[in-house]
Amino acid sequence: MRGAWRAHARTDAWSRLAVQRQGQPDRQVETGAETFPARATVTSAAERRRLWEHHIAEIPAFADYERMTEREIPVITLERVPAK
């Protein structure tokens, strides 16, 4: 997941919440008709760069977003976890 928010000067609300609550990383994820528990983790610098480059290869417009803002766009991984 990327918190690009179209190169806005601030990070989008969901990404800010994920960063602020790293001690409470569990989330409910909805994709299509499926809902499942997941753990959100803000990536390290090296992992962020690797995932970001992969994402830019898939959707080149995101390279423009990075150039258009002074902030580092967060990359957050979501890992499915067992239901409680």
PDB file of N, CA and C in Angstrom:
ATOM      1  N   MET A   1       0.837  -1.159   0.000  1.00  0.00           N
ATOM      2  CA  MET A   1       0.000   0.000   0.000  1.00  0.00           C
ATOM      3  C   MET A   1       0.890   1.233   0.000  1.00  0.00           C
ATOM      4  N   ARG A   2       0.533   2.219  -0.776  1.00  0.00           N
ATOM      5  CA  ARG A   2       1.298   3.460  -0.829  1.00  0.00           C
ATOM      6  C   ARG A   2       0.421   4.599  -0.351  1.00  0.00           C
ATOM      7  N   GLY A   3       1.030   5.506   0.397  1.00  0.00           N
ATOM      8  CA  GLY A   3       0.300   6.675   0.871  1.00  0.00           C
ATOM      9  C   GLY A   3       0.617   7.889   0.024  1.00  0.00           C
ATOM     10  N   ALA A   4       0.453   7.783  -1.276  1.00  0.00           N
ATOM     11  CA  ALA A   4       0.861   8.856  -2.182  1.00  0.00           C
ATOM     12  C   ALA A   4      -0.049  10.077  -2.092  1.00  0.00           C
ATOM     13  N   TRP A   5      -1.333   9.888  -2.020  1.00  0.00           N
ATOM     14  CA  TRP A   5      -2.325  10.958  -1.980  1.00  0.00           C
ATOM     15  C   TRP A   5      -2.054  11.996  -3.062  1.00  0.00           C
ATOM     16  N   ARG A   6      -1.720  11.499  -4.261  1.00  0.00           N
ATOM     17  CA  ARG A   6      -1.481  12.321  -5.452  1.00  0.00           C
ATOM     18  C   ARG A   6      -0.474  13.437  -5.209  1.00  0.00           C
ATOM     19  N   ALA A   7       0.590  13.136  -4.480  1.00  0.00           N
ATOM     20  CA  ALA A   7       1.702  14.057  -4.231  1.00  0.00           C
ATOM     21  C   ALA A   7       1.320  15.240  -3.349  1.00  0.00           C
ATOM     22  N   HIS A   8       0.233  15.121  -2.624  1.00  0.00           N
ATOM     23  CA  HIS A   8      -0.154  16.169  -1.688  1.00  0.00           C
ATOM     24  C   HIS A   8       0.985  16.373  -0.683  1.00  0.00           C
ATOM     25  N   ALA A   9       1.078  17.547  -0.119  1.00  0.00           N
ATOM     26  CA  ALA A   9       2.153  17.851   0.833  1.00  0.00           C
ATOM     27  C   ALA A   9       2.047  17.029   2.118  1.00  0.00           C
ATOM     28  N   ARG A  10       0.850  16.532   2.426  1.00  0.00           N
ATOM     29  CA  ARG A  10       0.660  15.713   3.626  1.00  0.00           C
ATOM     30  C   ARG A  10       0.363  14.273   3.231  1.00  0.00           C
ATOM     31  N   THR A  11       0.619  13.366   4.153  1.00  0.00           N
ATOM     32  CA  THR A  11       0.301  11.962   3.955  1.00  0.00           C
ATOM     33  C   THR A  11      -1.195  11.757   4.153  1.00  0.00           C
ATOM     34  N   ASP A  12      -1.797  10.842   3.389  1.00  0.00           N
ATOM     35  CA  ASP A  12      -3.229  10.581   3.522  1.00  0.00           C
ATOM     36  C   ASP A  12      -3.559  10.063   4.923  1.00  0.00           C
ATOM     37  N   ALA A  13      -4.811  10.181   5.323  1.00  0.00           N
ATOM     38  CA  ALA A  13      -5.230   9.851   6.693  1.00  0.00           C
ATOM     39  C   ALA A  13      -4.976   8.395   7.055  1.00  0.00           C
ATOM     40  N   TRP A  14      -5.253   7.456   6.145  1.00  0.00           N
ATOM     41  CA  TRP A  14      -5.062   6.041   6.480  1.00  0.00           C
ATOM     42  C   TRP A  14      -3.592   5.763   6.758  1.00  0.00           C
ATOM     43  N   SER A  15      -2.700   6.275   5.936  1.00  0.00           N
ATOM     44  CA  SER A  15      -1.269   6.043   6.131  1.00  0.00           C
ATOM     45  C   SER A  15      -0.782   6.703   7.411  1.00  0.00           C
ATOM     46  N   ARG A  16      -1.263   7.913   7.705  1.00  0.00           N
ATOM     47  CA  ARG A  16      -0.881   8.572   8.958  1.00  0.00           C
ATOM     48  C   ARG A  16      -1.302   7.725  10.148  1.00  0.00           C
ATOM     49  N   LEU A  17      -2.502   7.174  10.090  1.00  0.00           N
ATOM     50  CA  LEU A  17      -2.983   6.328  11.175  1.00  0.00           C
ATOM     51  C   LEU A  17      -2.113   5.080  11.313  1.00  0.00           C
ATOM     52  N   ALA A  18      -1.729   4.464  10.210  1.00  0.00           N
ATOM     53  CA  ALA A  18      -0.866   3.281  10.260  1.00  0.00           C
ATOM     54  C   ALA A  18       0.479   3.615  10.887  1.00  0.00           C
ATOM     55  N   VAL A  19       1.035   4.764  10.554  1.00  0.00           N
ATOM     56  CA  VAL A  19       2.327   5.186  11.109  1.00  0.00           C
ATOM     57  C   VAL A  19       2.184   5.480  12.600  1.00  0.00           C
ATOM     58  N   GLN A  20       1.140   6.177  12.983  1.00  0.00           N
ATOM     59  CA  GLN A  20       0.950   6.565  14.375  1.00  0.00           C
ATOM     60  C   GLN A  20       0.673   5.372  15.281  1.00  0.00           C
ATOM     61  N   ARG A  21       0.075   4.335  14.748  1.00  0.00           N
ATOM     62  CA  ARG A  21      -0.331   3.188  15.565  1.00  0.00           C
ATOM     63  C   ARG A  21       0.528   1.956  15.309  1.00  0.00           C
ATOM     64  N   GLN A  22       1.813   2.144  15.132  1.00  0.00           N
ATOM     65  CA  GLN A  22       2.670   0.993  14.869  1.00  0.00           C
ATOM     66  C   GLN A  22       2.652  -0.002  16.016  1.00  0.00           C
ATOM     67  N   GLY A  23       2.374   0.442  17.231  1.00  0.00           N
ATOM     68  CA  GLY A  23       2.260  -0.469  18.362  1.00  0.00           C
ATOM     69  C   GLY A  23       0.950  -1.252  18.363  1.00  0.00           C
ATOM     70  N   GLN A  24      -0.012  -0.811  17.544  1.00  0.00           N
ATOM     71  CA  GLN A  24      -1.307  -1.478  17.399  1.00  0.00           C
ATOM     72  C   GLN A  24      -1.569  -1.665  15.908  1.00  0.00           C
ATOM     73  N   PRO A  25      -0.821  -2.565  15.270  1.00  0.00           N
ATOM     74  CA  PRO A  25      -0.837  -2.622  13.815  1.00  0.00           C
ATOM     75  C   PRO A  25      -1.992  -3.382  13.172  1.00  0.00           C
ATOM     76  N   ASP A  26      -2.846  -4.058  13.959  1.00  0.00           N
ATOM     77  CA  ASP A  26      -3.879  -4.890  13.341  1.00  0.00           C
ATOM     78  C   ASP A  26      -4.991  -4.043  12.740  1.00  0.00           C
ATOM     79  N   ARG A  27      -5.414  -4.445  11.552  1.00  0.00           N
ATOM     80  CA  ARG A  27      -6.433  -3.726  10.794  1.00  0.00           C
ATOM     81  C   ARG A  27      -7.397  -4.724  10.166  1.00  0.00           C
ATOM     82  N   GLN A  28      -8.569  -4.242   9.784  1.00  0.00           N
ATOM     83  CA  GLN A  28      -9.488  -5.012   8.954  1.00  0.00           C
ATOM     84  C   GLN A  28      -9.312  -4.495   7.538  1.00  0.00           C
ATOM     85  N   VAL A  29      -9.113  -5.380   6.598  1.00  0.00           N
ATOM     86  CA  VAL A  29      -8.919  -5.002   5.204  1.00  0.00           C
ATOM     87  C   VAL A  29     -10.126  -5.462   4.402  1.00  0.00           C
ATOM     88  N   GLU A  30     -10.632  -4.595   3.558  1.00  0.00           N
ATOM     89  CA  GLU A  30     -11.720  -4.946   2.653  1.00  0.00           C
ATOM     90  C   GLU A  30     -11.204  -4.804   1.230  1.00  0.00           C
ATOM     91  N   THR A  31     -11.345  -5.857   0.467  1.00  0.00           N
ATOM     92  CA  THR A  31     -10.980  -5.815  -0.944  1.00  0.00           C
ATOM     93  C   THR A  31     -12.046  -6.582  -1.709  1.00  0.00           C
ATOM     94  N   GLY A  32     -12.756  -5.872  -2.554  1.00  0.00           N
ATOM     95  CA  GLY A  32     -13.894  -6.497  -3.222  1.00  0.00           C
ATOM     96  C   GLY A  32     -14.910  -6.931  -2.182  1.00  0.00           C
ATOM     97  N   ALA A  33     -15.341  -8.191  -2.233  1.00  0.00           N
ATOM     98  CA  ALA A  33     -16.322  -8.717  -1.284  1.00  0.00           C
ATOM     99  C   ALA A  33     -15.654  -9.361  -0.069  1.00  0.00           C
ATOM    100  N   GLU A  34     -14.335  -9.410  -0.039  1.00  0.00           N
ATOM    101  CA  GLU A  34     -13.615 -10.098   1.025  1.00  0.00           C
ATOM    102  C   GLU A  34     -13.160  -9.114   2.116  1.00  0.00           C
ATOM    103  N   THR A  35     -13.303  -9.523   3.367  1.00  0.00           N
ATOM    104  CA  THR A  35     -12.804  -8.776   4.519  1.00  0.00           C
ATOM    105  C   THR A  35     -11.960  -9.726   5.352  1.00  0.00           C
ATOM    106  N   PHE A  36     -10.781  -9.265   5.778  1.00  0.00           N
ATOM    107  CA  PHE A  36      -9.904 -10.128   6.566  1.00  0.00           C
ATOM    108  C   PHE A  36      -9.015  -9.285   7.468  1.00  0.00           C
ATOM    109  N   PRO A  37      -8.537  -9.895   8.578  1.00  0.00           N
ATOM    110  CA  PRO A  37      -7.622  -9.176   9.460  1.00  0.00           C
ATOM    111  C   PRO A  37      -6.218  -9.141   8.853  1.00  0.00           C
ATOM    112  N   ALA A  38      -5.526  -8.032   9.058  1.00  0.00           N
ATOM    113  CA  ALA A  38      -4.171  -7.884   8.526  1.00  0.00           C
ATOM    114  C   ALA A  38      -3.350  -7.024   9.475  1.00  0.00           C
ATOM    115  N   ARG A  39      -2.055  -7.155   9.369  1.00  0.00           N
ATOM    116  CA  ARG A  39      -1.122  -6.352  10.157  1.00  0.00           C
ATOM    117  C   ARG A  39      -0.460  -5.347   9.220  1.00  0.00           C
ATOM    118  N   ALA A  40      -0.545  -4.069   9.587  1.00  0.00           N
ATOM    119  CA  ALA A  40       0.069  -2.995   8.802  1.00  0.00           C
ATOM    120  C   ALA A  40       1.457  -2.704   9.361  1.00  0.00           C
ATOM    121  N   THR A  41       2.445  -2.631   8.465  1.00  0.00           N
ATOM    122  CA  THR A  41       3.821  -2.336   8.870  1.00  0.00           C
ATOM    123  C   THR A  41       4.407  -1.293   7.924  1.00  0.00           C
ATOM    124  N   VAL A  42       4.934  -0.221   8.486  1.00  0.00           N
ATOM    125  CA  VAL A  42       5.637   0.777   7.678  1.00  0.00           C
ATOM    126  C   VAL A  42       6.991   0.168   7.310  1.00  0.00           C
ATOM    127  N   THR A  43       7.322   0.165   6.044  1.00  0.00           N
ATOM    128  CA  THR A  43       8.537  -0.507   5.580  1.00  0.00           C
ATOM    129  C   THR A  43       9.805   0.256   5.972  1.00  0.00           C
ATOM    130  N   SER A  44      10.900  -0.500   6.081  1.00  0.00           N
ATOM    131  CA  SER A  44      12.222   0.099   6.310  1.00  0.00           C
ATOM    132  C   SER A  44      12.641   0.824   5.036  1.00  0.00           C
ATOM    133  N   ALA A  45      13.694   1.603   5.128  1.00  0.00           N
ATOM    134  CA  ALA A  45      14.156   2.387   3.964  1.00  0.00           C
ATOM    135  C   ALA A  45      14.475   1.497   2.763  1.00  0.00           C
ATOM    136  N   ALA A  46      15.221   0.424   2.976  1.00  0.00           N
ATOM    137  CA  ALA A  46      15.607  -0.450   1.861  1.00  0.00           C
ATOM    138  C   ALA A  46      14.397  -1.165   1.267  1.00  0.00           C
ATOM    139  N   GLU A  47      13.517  -1.676   2.131  1.00  0.00           N
ATOM    140  CA  GLU A  47      12.316  -2.368   1.647  1.00  0.00           C
ATOM    141  C   GLU A  47      11.383  -1.386   0.956  1.00  0.00           C
ATOM    142  N   ARG A  48      11.273  -0.183   1.490  1.00  0.00           N
ATOM    143  CA  ARG A  48      10.440   0.830   0.861  1.00  0.00           C
ATOM    144  C   ARG A  48      10.918   1.108  -0.559  1.00  0.00           C
ATOM    145  N   ARG A  49      12.215   1.320  -0.711  1.00  0.00           N
ATOM    146  CA  ARG A  49      12.770   1.622  -2.042  1.00  0.00           C
ATOM    147  C   ARG A  49      12.502   0.481  -3.012  1.00  0.00           C
ATOM    148  N   ARG A  50      12.706  -0.768  -2.568  1.00  0.00           N
ATOM    149  CA  ARG A  50      12.484  -1.932  -3.437  1.00  0.00           C
ATOM    150  C   ARG A  50      11.023  -1.999  -3.877  1.00  0.00           C
ATOM    151  N   LEU A  51      10.103  -1.858  -2.933  1.00  0.00           N
ATOM    152  CA  LEU A  51       8.683  -1.923  -3.265  1.00  0.00           C
ATOM    153  C   LEU A  51       8.246  -0.729  -4.100  1.00  0.00           C
ATOM    154  N   TRP A  52       8.789   0.445  -3.785  1.00  0.00           N
ATOM    155  CA  TRP A  52       8.442   1.652  -4.540  1.00  0.00           C
ATOM    156  C   TRP A  52       8.873   1.519  -5.997  1.00  0.00           C
ATOM    157  N   GLU A  53      10.083   1.035  -6.226  1.00  0.00           N
ATOM    158  CA  GLU A  53      10.570   0.858  -7.601  1.00  0.00           C
ATOM    159  C   GLU A  53       9.692  -0.138  -8.356  1.00  0.00           C
ATOM    160  N   HIS A  54       9.289  -1.202  -7.686  1.00  0.00           N
ATOM    161  CA  HIS A  54       8.392  -2.182  -8.310  1.00  0.00           C
ATOM    162  C   HIS A  54       7.056  -1.513  -8.665  1.00  0.00           C
ATOM    163  N   HIS A  55       6.545  -0.708  -7.760  1.00  0.00           N
ATOM    164  CA  HIS A  55       5.271  -0.036  -7.991  1.00  0.00           C
ATOM    165  C   HIS A  55       5.369   0.944  -9.162  1.00  0.00           C
ATOM    166  N   ILE A  56       6.456   1.686  -9.229  1.00  0.00           N
ATOM    167  CA  ILE A  56       6.656   2.624 -10.338  1.00  0.00           C
ATOM    168  C   ILE A  56       6.715   1.875 -11.667  1.00  0.00           C
ATOM    169  N   ALA A  57       7.324   0.696 -11.660  1.00  0.00           N
ATOM    170  CA  ALA A  57       7.368  -0.105 -12.890  1.00  0.00           C
ATOM    171  C   ALA A  57       5.953  -0.504 -13.322  1.00  0.00           C
ATOM    172  N   GLU A  58       5.076  -0.759 -12.348  1.00  0.00           N
ATOM    173  CA  GLU A  58       3.693  -1.143 -12.646  1.00  0.00           C
ATOM    174  C   GLU A  58       2.826   0.061 -13.023  1.00  0.00           C
ATOM    175  N   ILE A  59       3.021   1.186 -12.314  1.00  0.00           N
ATOM    176  CA  ILE A  59       2.216   2.398 -12.529  1.00  0.00           C
ATOM    177  C   ILE A  59       3.174   3.591 -12.572  1.00  0.00           C
ATOM    178  N   PRO A  60       3.723   3.899 -13.739  1.00  0.00           N
ATOM    179  CA  PRO A  60       4.753   4.939 -13.858  1.00  0.00           C
ATOM    180  C   PRO A  60       4.355   6.312 -13.335  1.00  0.00           C
ATOM    181  N   ALA A  61       3.082   6.640 -13.286  1.00  0.00           N
ATOM    182  CA  ALA A  61       2.657   7.960 -12.801  1.00  0.00           C
ATOM    183  C   ALA A  61       3.101   8.216 -11.364  1.00  0.00           C
ATOM    184  N   PHE A  62       3.319   7.163 -10.600  1.00  0.00           N
ATOM    185  CA  PHE A  62       3.741   7.362  -9.209  1.00  0.00           C
ATOM    186  C   PHE A  62       5.141   7.976  -9.120  1.00  0.00           C
ATOM    187  N   ALA A  63       5.953   7.806 -10.127  1.00  0.00           N
ATOM    188  CA  ALA A  63       7.268   8.467 -10.143  1.00  0.00           C
ATOM    189  C   ALA A  63       7.071   9.983 -10.173  1.00  0.00           C
ATOM    190  N   ASP A  64       6.050  10.439 -10.885  1.00  0.00           N
ATOM    191  CA  ASP A  64       5.746  11.869 -10.919  1.00  0.00           C
ATOM    192  C   ASP A  64       5.333  12.362  -9.540  1.00  0.00           C
ATOM    193  N   TYR A  65       4.534  11.587  -8.815  1.00  0.00           N
ATOM    194  CA  TYR A  65       4.106  11.982  -7.473  1.00  0.00           C
ATOM    195  C   TYR A  65       5.312  12.197  -6.573  1.00  0.00           C
ATOM    196  N   GLU A  66       6.280  11.302  -6.673  1.00  0.00           N
ATOM    197  CA  GLU A  66       7.463  11.412  -5.826  1.00  0.00           C
ATOM    198  C   GLU A  66       8.243  12.692  -6.132  1.00  0.00           C
ATOM    199  N   ARG A  67       8.309  13.050  -7.407  1.00  0.00           N
ATOM    200  CA  ARG A  67       9.027  14.270  -7.801  1.00  0.00           C
ATOM    201  C   ARG A  67       8.256  15.538  -7.419  1.00  0.00           C
ATOM    202  N   MET A  68       6.937  15.416  -7.263  1.00  0.00           N
ATOM    203  CA  MET A  68       6.095  16.580  -7.013  1.00  0.00           C
ATOM    204  C   MET A  68       5.968  16.954  -5.535  1.00  0.00           C
ATOM    205  N   THR A  69       6.540  16.155  -4.650  1.00  0.00           N
ATOM    206  CA  THR A  69       6.401  16.435  -3.220  1.00  0.00           C
ATOM    207  C   THR A  69       7.758  16.361  -2.540  1.00  0.00           C
ATOM    208  N   GLU A  70       7.880  17.073  -1.437  1.00  0.00           N
ATOM    209  CA  GLU A  70       9.126  17.041  -0.677  1.00  0.00           C
ATOM    210  C   GLU A  70       9.122  15.921   0.363  1.00  0.00           C
ATOM    211  N   ARG A  71       7.959  15.408   0.679  1.00  0.00           N
ATOM    212  CA  ARG A  71       7.878  14.359   1.702  1.00  0.00           C
ATOM    213  C   ARG A  71       8.210  12.990   1.101  1.00  0.00           C
ATOM    214  N   GLU A  72       8.606  12.072   1.952  1.00  0.00           N
ATOM    215  CA  GLU A  72       8.769  10.699   1.496  1.00  0.00           C
ATOM    216  C   GLU A  72       7.409  10.025   1.567  1.00  0.00           C
ATOM    217  N   ILE A  73       6.973   9.484   0.467  1.00  0.00           N
ATOM    218  CA  ILE A  73       5.683   8.807   0.409  1.00  0.00           C
ATOM    219  C   ILE A  73       5.824   7.460   1.114  1.00  0.00           C
ATOM    220  N   PRO A  74       5.029   7.220   2.165  1.00  0.00           N
ATOM    221  CA  PRO A  74       5.186   5.968   2.900  1.00  0.00           C
ATOM    222  C   PRO A  74       4.704   4.767   2.096  1.00  0.00           C
ATOM    223  N   VAL A  75       5.359   3.644   2.310  1.00  0.00           N
ATOM    224  CA  VAL A  75       4.932   2.367   1.749  1.00  0.00           C
ATOM    225  C   VAL A  75       4.658   1.463   2.941  1.00  0.00           C
ATOM    226  N   ILE A  76       3.450   0.946   3.004  1.00  0.00           N
ATOM    227  CA  ILE A  76       2.997   0.150   4.129  1.00  0.00           C
ATOM    228  C   ILE A  76       2.609  -1.220   3.625  1.00  0.00           C
ATOM    229  N   THR A  77       3.137  -2.251   4.264  1.00  0.00           N
ATOM    230  CA  THR A  77       2.748  -3.609   3.867  1.00  0.00           C
ATOM    231  C   THR A  77       1.582  -4.057   4.734  1.00  0.00           C
ATOM    232  N   LEU A  78       0.731  -4.875   4.149  1.00  0.00           N
ATOM    233  CA  LEU A  78      -0.393  -5.475   4.861  1.00  0.00           C
ATOM    234  C   LEU A  78      -0.224  -6.979   4.775  1.00  0.00           C
ATOM    235  N   GLU A  79      -0.077  -7.617   5.934  1.00  0.00           N
ATOM    236  CA  GLU A  79       0.106  -9.064   5.990  1.00  0.00           C
ATOM    237  C   GLU A  79      -1.126  -9.678   6.637  1.00  0.00           C
ATOM    238  N   ARG A  80      -1.731 -10.609   5.918  1.00  0.00           N
ATOM    239  CA  ARG A  80      -2.903 -11.289   6.454  1.00  0.00           C
ATOM    240  C   ARG A  80      -2.526 -12.034   7.734  1.00  0.00           C
ATOM    241  N   VAL A  81      -3.361 -11.922   8.762  1.00  0.00           N
ATOM    242  CA  VAL A  81      -3.128 -12.615  10.029  1.00  0.00           C
ATOM    243  C   VAL A  81      -4.342 -13.467  10.369  1.00  0.00           C
ATOM    244  N   PRO A  82      -4.175 -14.488  11.208  1.00  0.00           N
ATOM    245  CA  PRO A  82      -5.320 -15.326  11.572  1.00  0.00           C
ATOM    246  C   PRO A  82      -6.397 -14.503  12.289  1.00  0.00           C
ATOM    247  N   ALA A  83      -7.634 -14.841  12.047  1.00  0.00           N
ATOM    248  CA  ALA A  83      -8.741 -14.173  12.731  1.00  0.00           C
ATOM    249  C   ALA A  83      -8.698 -14.528  14.216  1.00  0.00           C
ATOM    250  N   LYS A  84      -9.082 -13.574  15.051  1.00  0.00           N
ATOM    251  CA  LYS A  84      -9.087 -13.805  16.500  1.00  0.00           C
ATOM    252  C   LYS A  84     -10.386 -14.419  16.946  1.00  0.00           C
TER     253      LYS A  84
END
